[in-house]
Amino acid sequence: QVQLVESGGDLVQPGGSLRLSCVVSGFRFGYSAIGWFRQAPGKEREGASCISTSGGLTKYADSVKGRFTISRDNVKNTAYLEMNSLKPEDTAVYYCAADLRPPFCGEGWHNSTYYNYWGRGTPVTVSP
């Protein structure tokens, strides 16, 4: 059974930090790229970051570049999203997703339709 389980979401003040985790089971984690997406209330889901199978290639949305860092541990079947200097506009439900088909983290990495499996999300609220 395929599962992606996100955790780490919380209420945090502006300027604060959070680390999200995505634990994967049910398929070969090391053979999939992982994307982090987010969806704010009343807005469409948007891609935040992507990491290739080995972790050698990463992509970031302009809105998070320089503040967020994506990583993965292929032994632990876990992907991470380190979020620093958080802003109120980062408030959203954050989802991880797996892409099993190359090219990984290519030009269309931010397109949610490219991803095969999704987690249920973890909420992040940035507020004073």
Foldseek 3Di string as FASTA:
>chain_A
DWAWAKDWADEAAAQAKIKMKIAIDDDQLLQWKKWKWWDDPPGDIWTAKIAGSVRPDMDGDPVQPPFWDWDDDSVRRMIMIIGGSDDQVVWTWMKMFIANDDPGPPPCNTPPVRTDDIHPTDTHGYHD
